Amino acid sequence: MASMKAKKASKVMATVVVLLVLLVIVSLLDLAWAARMLSAREVIDVLLSRGTWANNLIVKDNAVRIVIGLFVGAGLAVAGAVMQAIFRNPMASPYILGLSSGASLGAAIGILFTIPFIPSIITTPLLAFVFCFGTMFLVYSLSRTGGVTHTETLLLTGIAISAMMSAVVSFLTFIAGDKLEGIVFWSMGSLSNATWEDLLFVAPAILAGIFIMMMFAKDLNAMMIGDSHAMDLGVDVNSVRLITLIAASLVTAAAVSFVGVIGFVGLIIPHIFRIILGPDNRLLLPVSALGGATFLIACDYLAHTVATAYGVLPIGVLTALVGAPYFIYLLKRRKSEIGWS
């Protein structure tokens, strides 16, 4: 037993070390991105306050994109891991309840219409946040029957609401006229427009959501066995589900409100680390946070470098192009995943 625990601890430590090394590497590469790529030495000189004025400006502009990407990637990955535990389904993600569709609808309204008494600069993220959060409460209230919320009903309600809101977004896109590009680009996700002011809202919201979700890691372990078994162990299933869904929605809303819709981070990252480390959410959630941050920064770097002739690709395109084939590969290679049999 002691040797098994030691082996498990070694695997966790090795995974964390590898992720930290990868995170440092991709962060330095992303910091160095410019029309003329900076060298690693030039980036380090800037970080040590020895850089030139031009290099300082480049790294400063890149830094805000990277910092907000760290929070968004970590938050979406943890939210995905929590939803997969709640629904006992490895295919679940922060968007399974229609949260992304709700945020997209709010953003589309903010882009197309002027809202009185609200500064135009915050209209889009504010409405995206409100609609994202409102969608979660709508789905939860519609799926609640007799004081009980069943997982299957919650999923089906989310799919229905998502389809309805996606149809409305499609209609708004159709009538957008000269504002079509803004809606389409936002729906693909991008870190390029992030500012330090955005971070003042994004960071506290995502950190609070992650902290709340991690507090219930042990209860989520019990719920993965089944609601009845969890209740036998003293877990208030309905309360835990509601609180963790609110926390996951807070994280998702904070992320997509400022950087747009970014898919696959909350789907594939927890899936990978559940295979590597097992289904224990006390380990899975923090490691998924680190993995999600690393994955998103790597995708952001690729978005700036793989098709320079066409400019910067929307990061949501890269996460899908990278995530979808790898997810299919994992499904083909591993028919029965650890923690779901």
C-alpha atoms as a PDB file:
ATOM      1  CA  MET A   1       0.000   0.000   0.000  1.00  0.00           C
ATOM      2  CA  ALA A   2       2.815   2.391   0.907  1.00  0.00           C
ATOM      3  CA  SER A   3       4.596   1.664  -2.366  1.00  0.00           C
ATOM      4  CA  MET A   4       1.401   2.335  -4.332  1.00  0.00           C
ATOM      5  CA  LYS A   5       0.964   5.697  -2.594  1.00  0.00           C
ATOM      6  CA  ALA A   6       4.593   6.573  -3.279  1.00  0.00           C
ATOM      7  CA  LYS A   7       4.190   5.629  -6.931  1.00  0.00           C
ATOM      8  CA  LYS A   8       1.029   7.743  -7.169  1.00  0.00           C
ATOM      9  CA  ALA A   9       2.754  10.713  -5.544  1.00  0.00           C
ATOM     10  CA  SER A  10       5.677  10.371  -7.936  1.00  0.00           C
ATOM     11  CA  LYS A  11       3.351  10.351 -10.946  1.00  0.00           C
ATOM     12  CA  VAL A  12       1.552  13.464  -9.694  1.00  0.00           C
ATOM     13  CA  MET A  13       4.837  15.244  -9.023  1.00  0.00           C
ATOM     14  CA  ALA A  14       6.239  14.311 -12.429  1.00  0.00           C
ATOM     15  CA  THR A  15       3.052  15.538 -14.142  1.00  0.00           C
ATOM     16  CA  VAL A  16       3.151  18.865 -12.304  1.00  0.00           C
ATOM     17  CA  VAL A  17       6.852  19.394 -13.066  1.00  0.00           C
ATOM     18  CA  VAL A  18       6.368  18.645 -16.775  1.00  0.00           C
ATOM     19  CA  LEU A  19       3.392  21.025 -16.938  1.00  0.00           C
ATOM     20  CA  LEU A  20       5.311  23.797 -15.178  1.00  0.00           C
ATOM     21  CA  VAL A  21       8.261  23.421 -17.556  1.00  0.00           C
ATOM     22  CA  LEU A  22       5.946  23.465 -20.578  1.00  0.00           C
ATOM     23  CA  LEU A  23       4.103  26.487 -19.191  1.00  0.00           C
ATOM     24  CA  VAL A  24       7.340  28.437 -18.777  1.00  0.00           C
ATOM     25  CA  ILE A  25       8.466  27.533 -22.291  1.00  0.00           C
ATOM     26  CA  VAL A  26       5.219  28.445 -24.071  1.00  0.00           C
ATOM     27  CA  SER A  27       4.885  31.625 -21.988  1.00  0.00           C
ATOM     28  CA  LEU A  28       8.376  32.777 -23.006  1.00  0.00           C
ATOM     29  CA  LEU A  29       7.628  31.973 -26.647  1.00  0.00           C
ATOM     30  CA  ASP A  30       4.353  33.896 -26.483  1.00  0.00           C
ATOM     31  CA  LEU A  31       6.028  36.839 -24.760  1.00  0.00           C
ATOM     32  CA  ALA A  32       8.627  36.931 -27.549  1.00  0.00           C
ATOM     33  CA  TRP A  33       6.072  37.080 -30.352  1.00  0.00           C
ATOM     34  CA  ALA A  34       6.317  40.136 -32.618  1.00  0.00           C
ATOM     35  CA  ALA A  35       6.844  40.995 -36.278  1.00  0.00           C
ATOM     36  CA  ARG A  36      10.472  40.220 -35.449  1.00  0.00           C
ATOM     37  CA  MET A  37      10.535  37.446 -32.889  1.00  0.00           C
ATOM     38  CA  LEU A  38      12.513  38.373 -29.791  1.00  0.00           C
ATOM     39  CA  SER A  39      15.145  35.986 -28.521  1.00  0.00           C
ATOM     40  CA  ALA A  40      14.840  34.286 -25.145  1.00  0.00           C
ATOM     41  CA  ARG A  41      17.649  36.489 -23.847  1.00  0.00           C
ATOM     42  CA  GLU A  42      15.808  39.665 -24.912  1.00  0.00           C
ATOM     43  CA  VAL A  43      12.648  38.518 -23.135  1.00  0.00           C
ATOM     44  CA  ILE A  44      14.569  37.657 -19.971  1.00  0.00           C
ATOM     45  CA  ASP A  45      16.310  41.063 -20.101  1.00  0.00           C
ATOM     46  CA  VAL A  46      12.895  42.728 -20.171  1.00  0.00           C
ATOM     47  CA  LEU A  47      11.704  40.629 -17.214  1.00  0.00           C
ATOM     48  CA  LEU A  48      14.839  41.677 -15.324  1.00  0.00           C
ATOM     49  CA  SER A  49      14.244  45.371 -16.207  1.00  0.00           C
ATOM     50  CA  ARG A  50      17.229  45.506 -18.572  1.00  0.00           C
ATOM     51  CA  GLY A  51      15.354  45.520 -21.881  1.00  0.00           C
ATOM     52  CA  THR A  52      15.205  48.217 -24.548  1.00  0.00           C
ATOM     53  CA  TRP A  53      12.227  50.535 -24.848  1.00  0.00           C
ATOM     54  CA  ALA A  54      10.888  48.708 -27.924  1.00  0.00           C
ATOM     55  CA  ASN A  55      11.306  45.269 -26.371  1.00  0.00           C
ATOM     56  CA  ASN A  56       9.665  46.442 -23.145  1.00  0.00           C
ATOM     57  CA  LEU A  57       6.648  47.584 -25.154  1.00  0.00           C
ATOM     58  CA  ILE A  58       6.381  44.269 -27.032  1.00  0.00           C
ATOM     59  CA  VAL A  59       6.601  42.130 -23.915  1.00  0.00           C
ATOM     60  CA  LYS A  60       4.177  44.373 -22.012  1.00  0.00           C
ATOM     61  CA  ASP A  61       1.588  44.097 -24.801  1.00  0.00           C
ATOM     62  CA  ASN A  62       2.010  40.321 -24.929  1.00  0.00           C
ATOM     63  CA  ALA A  63       2.014  39.919 -21.149  1.00  0.00           C
ATOM     64  CA  VAL A  64      -1.614  40.959 -20.622  1.00  0.00           C
ATOM     65  CA  ARG A  65      -2.746  38.440 -23.227  1.00  0.00           C
ATOM     66  CA  ILE A  66      -0.760  35.683 -21.541  1.00  0.00           C
ATOM     67  CA  VAL A  67      -1.852  36.503 -17.991  1.00  0.00           C
ATOM     68  CA  ILE A  68      -5.544  36.561 -18.874  1.00  0.00           C
ATOM     69  CA  GLY A  69      -5.012  33.360 -20.887  1.00  0.00           C
ATOM     70  CA  LEU A  70      -3.608  31.654 -17.798  1.00  0.00           C
ATOM     71  CA  PHE A  71      -6.722  32.438 -15.783  1.00  0.00           C
ATOM     72  CA  VAL A  72      -9.142  31.576 -18.600  1.00  0.00           C
ATOM     73  CA  GLY A  73      -7.425  28.280 -19.418  1.00  0.00           C
ATOM     74  CA  ALA A  74      -7.252  27.229 -15.775  1.00  0.00           C
ATOM     75  CA  GLY A  75     -10.853  28.216 -15.091  1.00  0.00           C
ATOM     76  CA  LEU A  76     -12.359  26.478 -18.118  1.00  0.00           C
ATOM     77  CA  ALA A  77     -10.424  23.267 -17.415  1.00  0.00           C
ATOM     78  CA  VAL A  78     -11.559  23.112 -13.778  1.00  0.00           C
ATOM     79  CA  ALA A  79     -15.144  23.933 -14.750  1.00  0.00           C
ATOM     80  CA  GLY A  80     -15.022  21.105 -17.292  1.00  0.00           C
ATOM     81  CA  ALA A  81     -13.671  18.635 -14.744  1.00  0.00           C
ATOM     82  CA  VAL A  82     -16.411  19.574 -12.279  1.00  0.00           C
ATOM     83  CA  MET A  83     -19.201  19.228 -14.833  1.00  0.00           C
ATOM     84  CA  GLN A  84     -17.863  15.844 -15.911  1.00  0.00           C
ATOM     85  CA  ALA A  85     -18.004  14.753 -12.274  1.00  0.00           C
ATOM     86  CA  ILE A  86     -21.501  16.167 -11.723  1.00  0.00           C
ATOM     87  CA  PHE A  87     -22.939  14.515 -14.823  1.00  0.00           C
ATOM     88  CA  ARG A  88     -20.756  11.398 -14.579  1.00  0.00           C
ATOM     89  CA  ASN A  89     -20.030  11.895 -18.263  1.00  0.00           C
ATOM     90  CA  PRO A  90     -16.563  12.440 -19.783  1.00  0.00           C
ATOM     91  CA  MET A  91     -18.183  14.311 -22.677  1.00  0.00           C
ATOM     92  CA  ALA A  92     -19.502  17.102 -20.435  1.00  0.00           C
ATOM     93  CA  SER A  93     -17.988  20.577 -20.604  1.00  0.00           C
ATOM     94  CA  PRO A  94     -18.767  24.119 -19.407  1.00  0.00           C
ATOM     95  CA  TYR A  95     -20.918  24.531 -22.499  1.00  0.00           C
ATOM     96  CA  ILE A  96     -23.152  21.495 -21.976  1.00  0.00           C
ATOM     97  CA  LEU A  97     -25.812  23.596 -20.243  1.00  0.00           C
ATOM     98  CA  GLY A  98     -25.913  26.205 -23.010  1.00  0.00           C
ATOM     99  CA  LEU A  99     -23.690  28.663 -21.148  1.00  0.00           C
ATOM    100  CA  SER A 100     -21.673  29.539 -24.245  1.00  0.00           C
ATOM    101  CA  SER A 101     -24.835  30.039 -26.288  1.00  0.00           C
ATOM    102  CA  GLY A 102     -26.185  32.355 -23.598  1.00  0.00           C
ATOM    103  CA  ALA A 103     -22.959  34.359 -23.547  1.00  0.00           C
ATOM    104  CA  SER A 104     -22.934  34.505 -27.353  1.00  0.00           C
ATOM    105  CA  LEU A 105     -26.485  35.878 -27.374  1.00  0.00           C
ATOM    106  CA  GLY A 106     -25.591  38.559 -24.828  1.00  0.00           C
ATOM    107  CA  ALA A 107     -22.473  39.530 -26.765  1.00  0.00           C
ATOM    108  CA  ALA A 108     -24.346  39.666 -30.077  1.00  0.00           C
ATOM    109  CA  ILE A 109     -26.948  41.997 -28.537  1.00  0.00           C
ATOM    110  CA  GLY A 110     -24.167  44.154 -27.080  1.00  0.00           C
ATOM    111  CA  ILE A 111     -22.406  44.404 -30.444  1.00  0.00           C
ATOM    112  CA  LEU A 112     -25.546  45.194 -32.444  1.00  0.00           C
ATOM    113  CA  PHE A 113     -27.477  47.493 -30.147  1.00  0.00           C
ATOM    114  CA  THR A 114     -26.719  50.525 -27.991  1.00  0.00           C
ATOM    115  CA  ILE A 115     -27.959  50.137 -24.418  1.00  0.00           C
ATOM    116  CA  PRO A 116     -28.899  53.434 -22.702  1.00  0.00           C
ATOM    117  CA  PHE A 117     -26.914  54.388 -19.589  1.00  0.00           C
ATOM    118  CA  ILE A 118     -24.288  51.668 -20.226  1.00  0.00           C
ATOM    119  CA  PRO A 119     -20.896  52.724 -21.684  1.00  0.00           C
ATOM    120  CA  SER A 120     -20.397  51.033 -25.058  1.00  0.00           C
ATOM    121  CA  ILE A 121     -16.962  49.732 -24.053  1.00  0.00           C
ATOM    122  CA  ILE A 122     -18.478  47.427 -21.402  1.00  0.00           C
ATOM    123  CA  THR A 123     -21.805  46.610 -23.073  1.00  0.00           C
ATOM    124  CA  THR A 124     -20.627  43.425 -24.795  1.00  0.00           C
ATOM    125  CA  PRO A 125     -18.799  41.780 -21.843  1.00  0.00           C
ATOM    126  CA  LEU A 126     -21.507  42.871 -19.394  1.00  0.00           C
ATOM    127  CA  LEU A 127     -24.364  41.419 -21.442  1.00  0.00           C
ATOM    128  CA  ALA A 128     -22.361  38.264 -22.187  1.00  0.00           C
ATOM    129  CA  PHE A 129     -21.826  37.773 -18.464  1.00  0.00           C
ATOM    130  CA  VAL A 130     -25.468  38.457 -17.549  1.00  0.00           C
ATOM    131  CA  PHE A 131     -26.843  36.157 -20.261  1.00  0.00           C
ATOM    132  CA  CYS A 132     -24.372  33.388 -19.416  1.00  0.00           C
ATOM    133  CA  PHE A 133     -25.328  33.436 -15.757  1.00  0.00           C
ATOM    134  CA  GLY A 134     -29.003  33.860 -16.557  1.00  0.00           C
ATOM    135  CA  THR A 135     -28.907  30.813 -18.824  1.00  0.00           C
ATOM    136  CA  MET A 136     -27.595  28.643 -16.003  1.00  0.00           C
ATOM    137  CA  PHE A 137     -30.432  29.697 -13.670  1.00  0.00           C
ATOM    138  CA  LEU A 138     -33.002  29.266 -16.445  1.00  0.00           C
ATOM    139  CA  VAL A 139     -31.823  25.753 -17.245  1.00  0.00           C
ATOM    140  CA  TYR A 140     -31.626  24.780 -13.575  1.00  0.00           C
ATOM    141  CA  SER A 141     -35.087  26.136 -12.727  1.00  0.00           C
ATOM    142  CA  LEU A 142     -36.744  24.496 -15.764  1.00  0.00           C
ATOM    143  CA  SER A 143     -35.186  21.123 -14.968  1.00  0.00           C
ATOM    144  CA  ARG A 144     -36.143  21.164 -11.284  1.00  0.00           C
ATOM    145  CA  THR A 145     -39.254  19.076 -10.525  1.00  0.00           C
ATOM    146  CA  GLY A 146     -40.701  18.485  -7.091  1.00  0.00           C
ATOM    147  CA  GLY A 147     -37.658  19.967  -5.391  1.00  0.00           C
ATOM    148  CA  VAL A 148     -35.350  17.499  -7.165  1.00  0.00           C
ATOM    149  CA  THR A 149     -33.089  18.071 -10.154  1.00  0.00           C
ATOM    150  CA  HIS A 150     -32.194  14.979 -12.172  1.00  0.00           C
ATOM    151  CA  THR A 151     -28.974  14.949 -14.141  1.00  0.00           C
ATOM    152  CA  GLU A 152     -30.597  13.672 -17.336  1.00  0.00           C
ATOM    153  CA  THR A 153     -33.283  16.379 -17.236  1.00  0.00           C
ATOM    154  CA  LEU A 154     -30.640  19.033 -16.615  1.00  0.00           C
ATOM    155  CA  LEU A 155     -28.619  17.907 -19.632  1.00  0.00           C
ATOM    156  CA  LEU A 156     -31.610  17.732 -21.965  1.00  0.00           C
ATOM    157  CA  THR A 157     -32.858  21.138 -20.831  1.00  0.00           C
ATOM    158  CA  GLY A 158     -29.411  22.616 -21.435  1.00  0.00           C
ATOM    159  CA  ILE A 159     -29.287  21.180 -24.949  1.00  0.00           C
ATOM    160  CA  ALA A 160     -32.747  22.576 -25.750  1.00  0.00           C
ATOM    161  CA  ILE A 161     -31.976  26.059 -24.397  1.00  0.00           C
ATOM    162  CA  SER A 162     -28.616  26.046 -26.199  1.00  0.00           C
ATOM    163  CA  ALA A 163     -30.276  25.217 -29.517  1.00  0.00           C
ATOM    164  CA  MET A 164     -32.855  27.981 -29.070  1.00  0.00           C
ATOM    165  CA  MET A 165     -30.266  30.634 -28.192  1.00  0.00           C
ATOM    166  CA  SER A 166     -27.960  29.544 -30.993  1.00  0.00           C
ATOM    167  CA  ALA A 167     -30.844  30.065 -33.417  1.00  0.00           C
ATOM    168  CA  VAL A 168     -31.355  33.616 -32.101  1.00  0.00           C
ATOM    169  CA  VAL A 169     -27.618  34.332 -32.440  1.00  0.00           C
ATOM    170  CA  SER A 170     -27.727  33.034 -36.017  1.00  0.00           C
ATOM    171  CA  PHE A 171     -30.612  35.395 -36.770  1.00  0.00           C
ATOM    172  CA  LEU A 172     -28.753  38.361 -35.244  1.00  0.00           C
ATOM    173  CA  THR A 173     -25.672  37.419 -37.274  1.00  0.00           C
ATOM    174  CA  PHE A 174     -27.829  37.340 -40.403  1.00  0.00           C
ATOM    175  CA  ILE A 175     -29.097  40.898 -39.820  1.00  0.00           C
ATOM    176  CA  ALA A 176     -25.801  42.270 -38.441  1.00  0.00           C
ATOM    177  CA  GLY A 177     -24.789  44.097 -41.620  1.00  0.00           C
ATOM    178  CA  ASP A 178     -21.466  45.905 -41.162  1.00  0.00           C
ATOM    179  CA  LYS A 179     -21.199  44.537 -37.602  1.00  0.00           C
ATOM    180  CA  LEU A 180     -21.111  40.936 -38.811  1.00  0.00           C
ATOM    181  CA  GLU A 181     -17.331  40.672 -38.405  1.00  0.00           C
ATOM    182  CA  GLY A 182     -17.492  41.619 -34.721  1.00  0.00           C
ATOM    183  CA  ILE A 183     -20.032  38.928 -33.875  1.00  0.00           C
ATOM    184  CA  VAL A 184     -18.277  36.214 -35.875  1.00  0.00           C
ATOM    185  CA  PHE A 185     -14.827  37.053 -34.478  1.00  0.00           C
ATOM    186  CA  TRP A 186     -16.108  37.150 -30.883  1.00  0.00           C
ATOM    187  CA  SER A 187     -17.842  33.793 -31.333  1.00  0.00           C
ATOM    188  CA  MET A 188     -14.479  32.249 -32.313  1.00  0.00           C
ATOM    189  CA  GLY A 189     -12.642  33.496 -29.219  1.00  0.00           C
ATOM    190  CA  SER A 190      -9.503  35.624 -28.968  1.00  0.00           C
ATOM    191  CA  LEU A 191      -7.106  36.843 -26.287  1.00  0.00           C
ATOM    192  CA  SER A 192      -5.800  39.661 -28.490  1.00  0.00           C
ATOM    193  CA  ASN A 193      -8.199  42.332 -27.224  1.00  0.00           C
ATOM    194  CA  ALA A 194      -7.571  41.654 -23.524  1.00  0.00           C
ATOM    195  CA  THR A 195      -6.534  44.569 -21.314  1.00  0.00           C
ATOM    196  CA  TRP A 196      -5.203  44.910 -17.789  1.00  0.00           C
ATOM    197  CA  GLU A 197      -8.564  46.446 -16.830  1.00  0.00           C
ATOM    198  CA  ASP A 198     -10.302  43.254 -17.979  1.00  0.00           C
ATOM    199  CA  LEU A 199      -8.010  41.263 -15.710  1.00  0.00           C
ATOM    200  CA  LEU A 200      -9.276  43.180 -12.660  1.00  0.00           C
ATOM    201  CA  PHE A 201     -12.630  41.482 -13.172  1.00  0.00           C
ATOM    202  CA  VAL A 202     -11.609  38.170 -14.756  1.00  0.00           C
ATOM    203  CA  ALA A 203      -8.957  37.118 -12.224  1.00  0.00           C
ATOM    204  CA  PRO A 204     -11.001  37.497  -8.985  1.00  0.00           C
ATOM    205  CA  ALA A 205     -14.100  35.883 -10.535  1.00  0.00           C
ATOM    206  CA  ILE A 206     -12.195  32.883 -11.877  1.00  0.00           C
ATOM    207  CA  LEU A 207     -10.130  32.432  -8.707  1.00  0.00           C
ATOM    208  CA  ALA A 208     -13.285  32.550  -6.569  1.00  0.00           C
ATOM    209  CA  GLY A 209     -15.015  30.008  -8.801  1.00  0.00           C
ATOM    210  CA  ILE A 210     -12.044  27.637  -8.792  1.00  0.00           C
ATOM    211  CA  PHE A 211     -11.697  27.879  -5.005  1.00  0.00           C
ATOM    212  CA  ILE A 212     -15.385  27.051  -4.484  1.00  0.00           C
ATOM    213  CA  MET A 213     -15.243  24.078  -6.854  1.00  0.00           C
ATOM    214  CA  MET A 214     -12.117  22.693  -5.198  1.00  0.00           C
ATOM    215  CA  MET A 215     -13.807  22.921  -1.793  1.00  0.00           C
ATOM    216  CA  PHE A 216     -16.290  20.286  -2.978  1.00  0.00           C
ATOM    217  CA  ALA A 217     -13.754  17.925  -4.576  1.00  0.00           C
ATOM    218  CA  LYS A 218     -14.386  15.188  -2.009  1.00  0.00           C
ATOM    219  CA  ASP A 219     -18.169  15.455  -2.432  1.00  0.00           C
ATOM    220  CA  LEU A 220     -17.760  15.291  -6.207  1.00  0.00           C
ATOM    221  CA  ASN A 221     -15.830  12.032  -5.783  1.00  0.00           C
ATOM    222  CA  ALA A 222     -18.829  10.573  -3.986  1.00  0.00           C
ATOM    223  CA  MET A 223     -21.280  11.885  -6.580  1.00  0.00           C
ATOM    224  CA  MET A 224     -19.332  10.177  -9.369  1.00  0.00           C
ATOM    225  CA  ILE A 225     -20.383   6.834  -7.856  1.00  0.00           C
ATOM    226  CA  GLY A 226     -24.033   7.872  -8.046  1.00  0.00           C
ATOM    227  CA  ASP A 227     -26.404  10.257  -6.289  1.00  0.00           C
ATOM    228  CA  SER A 228     -27.879   7.560  -4.025  1.00  0.00           C
ATOM    229  CA  HIS A 229     -24.440   6.397  -2.901  1.00  0.00           C
ATOM    230  CA  ALA A 230     -23.365   9.983  -2.313  1.00  0.00           C
ATOM    231  CA  MET A 231     -26.446  10.639  -0.159  1.00  0.00           C
ATOM    232  CA  ASP A 232     -25.673   7.489   1.829  1.00  0.00           C
ATOM    233  CA  LEU A 233     -22.274   9.039   2.551  1.00  0.00           C
ATOM    234  CA  GLY A 234     -23.924  12.203   3.860  1.00  0.00           C
ATOM    235  CA  VAL A 235     -23.518  14.393   0.764  1.00  0.00           C
ATOM    236  CA  ASP A 236     -26.293  16.918   0.115  1.00  0.00           C
ATOM    237  CA  VAL A 237     -26.359  16.145  -3.602  1.00  0.00           C
ATOM    238  CA  ASN A 238     -28.751  18.899  -4.720  1.00  0.00           C
ATOM    239  CA  SER A 239     -26.915  21.618  -2.791  1.00  0.00           C
ATOM    240  CA  VAL A 240     -23.479  20.496  -3.989  1.00  0.00           C
ATOM    241  CA  ARG A 241     -24.711  20.298  -7.591  1.00  0.00           C
ATOM    242  CA  LEU A 242     -26.246  23.771  -7.458  1.00  0.00           C
ATOM    243  CA  ILE A 243     -23.259  25.426  -5.773  1.00  0.00           C
ATOM    244  CA  THR A 244     -20.697  23.845  -8.082  1.00  0.00           C
ATOM    245  CA  LEU A 245     -22.785  24.652 -11.156  1.00  0.00           C
ATOM    246  CA  ILE A 246     -22.990  28.290 -10.036  1.00  0.00           C
ATOM    247  CA  ALA A 247     -19.213  28.341  -9.520  1.00  0.00           C
ATOM    248  CA  ALA A 248     -18.602  26.731 -12.922  1.00  0.00           C
ATOM    249  CA  SER A 249     -20.975  29.239 -14.513  1.00  0.00           C
ATOM    250  CA  LEU A 250     -19.186  32.126 -12.792  1.00  0.00           C
ATOM    251  CA  VAL A 251     -15.865  30.944 -14.211  1.00  0.00           C
ATOM    252  CA  THR A 252     -17.282  30.364 -17.695  1.00  0.00           C
ATOM    253  CA  ALA A 253     -19.109  33.695 -17.707  1.00  0.00           C
ATOM    254  CA  ALA A 254     -16.018  35.614 -16.583  1.00  0.00           C
ATOM    255  CA  ALA A 255     -13.936  33.908 -19.274  1.00  0.00           C
ATOM    256  CA  VAL A 256     -16.198  34.168 -22.292  1.00  0.00           C
ATOM    257  CA  SER A 257     -17.401  37.671 -21.416  1.00  0.00           C
ATOM    258  CA  PHE A 258     -13.995  39.120 -22.272  1.00  0.00           C
ATOM    259  CA  VAL A 259     -12.287  36.659 -24.621  1.00  0.00           C
ATOM    260  CA  GLY A 260     -15.216  35.099 -26.475  1.00  0.00           C
ATOM    261  CA  VAL A 261     -16.192  31.472 -26.859  1.00  0.00           C
ATOM    262  CA  ILE A 262     -13.230  29.086 -26.513  1.00  0.00           C
ATOM    263  CA  GLY A 263     -14.134  25.423 -26.747  1.00  0.00           C
ATOM    264  CA  PHE A 264     -12.448  22.100 -25.953  1.00  0.00           C
ATOM    265  CA  VAL A 265     -10.335  23.361 -23.028  1.00  0.00           C
ATOM    266  CA  GLY A 266     -12.941  22.179 -20.523  1.00  0.00           C
ATOM    267  CA  LEU A 267     -13.517  18.964 -22.444  1.00  0.00           C
ATOM    268  CA  ILE A 268     -10.149  17.516 -23.360  1.00  0.00           C
ATOM    269  CA  ILE A 269      -7.881  18.711 -20.521  1.00  0.00           C
ATOM    270  CA  PRO A 270      -9.749  16.975 -17.648  1.00  0.00           C
ATOM    271  CA  HIS A 271     -10.140  13.913 -19.896  1.00  0.00           C
ATOM    272  CA  ILE A 272      -6.378  13.641 -20.403  1.00  0.00           C
ATOM    273  CA  PHE A 273      -5.447  14.043 -16.752  1.00  0.00           C
ATOM    274  CA  ARG A 274      -8.181  11.708 -15.549  1.00  0.00           C
ATOM    275  CA  ILE A 275      -6.515   8.997 -17.661  1.00  0.00           C
ATOM    276  CA  ILE A 276      -3.062   9.888 -16.328  1.00  0.00           C
ATOM    277  CA  LEU A 277      -3.869  10.440 -12.646  1.00  0.00           C
ATOM    278  CA  GLY A 278      -7.225   8.748 -12.099  1.00  0.00           C
ATOM    279  CA  PRO A 279     -10.636  10.198 -11.166  1.00  0.00           C
ATOM    280  CA  ASP A 280      -9.812  11.669  -7.723  1.00  0.00           C
ATOM    281  CA  ASN A 281     -10.992  15.268  -8.033  1.00  0.00           C
ATOM    282  CA  ARG A 282      -8.757  16.370  -5.157  1.00  0.00           C
ATOM    283  CA  LEU A 283      -5.824  15.848  -7.536  1.00  0.00           C
ATOM    284  CA  LEU A 284      -7.596  16.253 -10.849  1.00  0.00           C
ATOM    285  CA  LEU A 285      -8.902  19.795 -10.313  1.00  0.00           C
ATOM    286  CA  PRO A 286      -5.594  21.541  -9.488  1.00  0.00           C
ATOM    287  CA  VAL A 287      -3.678  19.599 -12.156  1.00  0.00           C
ATOM    288  CA  SER A 288      -6.387  20.394 -14.719  1.00  0.00           C
ATOM    289  CA  ALA A 289      -6.048  24.078 -13.847  1.00  0.00           C
ATOM    290  CA  LEU A 290      -2.329  23.953 -14.604  1.00  0.00           C
ATOM    291  CA  GLY A 291      -2.895  21.881 -17.740  1.00  0.00           C
ATOM    292  CA  GLY A 292      -5.645  24.177 -19.020  1.00  0.00           C
ATOM    293  CA  ALA A 293      -3.462  27.255 -18.581  1.00  0.00           C
ATOM    294  CA  THR A 294      -0.569  25.587 -20.421  1.00  0.00           C
ATOM    295  CA  PHE A 295      -2.790  24.360 -23.255  1.00  0.00           C
ATOM    296  CA  LEU A 296      -4.409  27.752 -23.850  1.00  0.00           C
ATOM    297  CA  ILE A 297      -1.111  29.657 -23.875  1.00  0.00           C
ATOM    298  CA  ALA A 298       0.349  27.119 -26.313  1.00  0.00           C
ATOM    299  CA  CYS A 299      -2.689  27.551 -28.572  1.00  0.00           C
ATOM    300  CA  ASP A 300      -2.374  31.337 -28.343  1.00  0.00           C
ATOM    301  CA  TYR A 301       1.251  31.129 -29.472  1.00  0.00           C
ATOM    302  CA  LEU A 302       0.271  28.894 -32.385  1.00  0.00           C
ATOM    303  CA  ALA A 303      -2.553  31.279 -33.283  1.00  0.00           C
ATOM    304  CA  HIS A 304       0.065  34.009 -33.785  1.00  0.00           C
ATOM    305  CA  THR A 305       2.541  31.917 -35.763  1.00  0.00           C
ATOM    306  CA  VAL A 306       0.884  29.208 -37.904  1.00  0.00           C
ATOM    307  CA  ALA A 307      -0.746  31.454 -40.521  1.00  0.00           C
ATOM    308  CA  THR A 308       1.009  34.806 -40.395  1.00  0.00           C
ATOM    309  CA  ALA A 309      -0.069  35.657 -43.943  1.00  0.00           C
ATOM    310  CA  TYR A 310      -3.681  35.802 -42.699  1.00  0.00           C
ATOM    311  CA  GLY A 311      -2.936  37.567 -39.418  1.00  0.00           C
ATOM    312  CA  VAL A 312      -3.743  36.170 -35.971  1.00  0.00           C
ATOM    313  CA  LEU A 313      -6.101  33.203 -35.984  1.00  0.00           C
ATOM    314  CA  PRO A 314      -8.990  33.176 -33.466  1.00  0.00           C
ATOM    315  CA  ILE A 315      -7.811  31.019 -30.589  1.00  0.00           C
ATOM    316  CA  GLY A 316     -11.080  29.085 -30.558  1.00  0.00           C
ATOM    317  CA  VAL A 317     -10.202  27.763 -34.011  1.00  0.00           C
ATOM    318  CA  LEU A 318      -6.857  26.461 -32.719  1.00  0.00           C
ATOM    319  CA  THR A 319      -8.309  24.836 -29.598  1.00  0.00           C
ATOM    320  CA  ALA A 320     -10.802  22.984 -31.803  1.00  0.00           C
ATOM    321  CA  LEU A 321      -8.215  21.993 -34.417  1.00  0.00           C
ATOM    322  CA  VAL A 322      -5.835  20.736 -31.728  1.00  0.00           C
ATOM    323  CA  GLY A 323      -8.414  19.350 -29.329  1.00  0.00           C
ATOM    324  CA  ALA A 324     -10.837  17.508 -31.608  1.00  0.00           C
ATOM    325  CA  PRO A 325      -8.365  15.163 -33.360  1.00  0.00           C
ATOM    326  CA  TYR A 326      -6.591  14.356 -30.100  1.00  0.00           C
ATOM    327  CA  PHE A 327      -9.878  13.664 -28.366  1.00  0.00           C
ATOM    328  CA  ILE A 328     -10.887  11.280 -31.182  1.00  0.00           C
ATOM    329  CA  TYR A 329      -7.491   9.585 -30.852  1.00  0.00           C
ATOM    330  CA  LEU A 330      -8.020   9.120 -27.125  1.00  0.00           C
ATOM    331  CA  LEU A 331     -11.488   7.666 -27.624  1.00  0.00           C
ATOM    332  CA  LYS A 332     -10.205   5.211 -30.217  1.00  0.00           C
ATOM    333  CA  ARG A 333      -7.209   4.147 -28.143  1.00  0.00           C
ATOM    334  CA  ARG A 334      -9.017   3.851 -24.848  1.00  0.00           C
ATOM    335  CA  LYS A 335     -12.533   2.494 -25.084  1.00  0.00           C
ATOM    336  CA  SER A 336     -13.083   2.305 -21.339  1.00  0.00           C
ATOM    337  CA  GLU A 337     -11.807   5.331 -19.463  1.00  0.00           C
ATOM    338  CA  ILE A 338     -10.682   5.236 -15.877  1.00  0.00           C
ATOM    339  CA  GLY A 339     -13.345   6.485 -13.522  1.00  0.00           C
ATOM    340  CA  TRP A 340     -16.365   6.018 -15.780  1.00  0.00           C
ATOM    341  CA  SER A 341     -16.754   2.229 -16.006  1.00  0.00           C
END
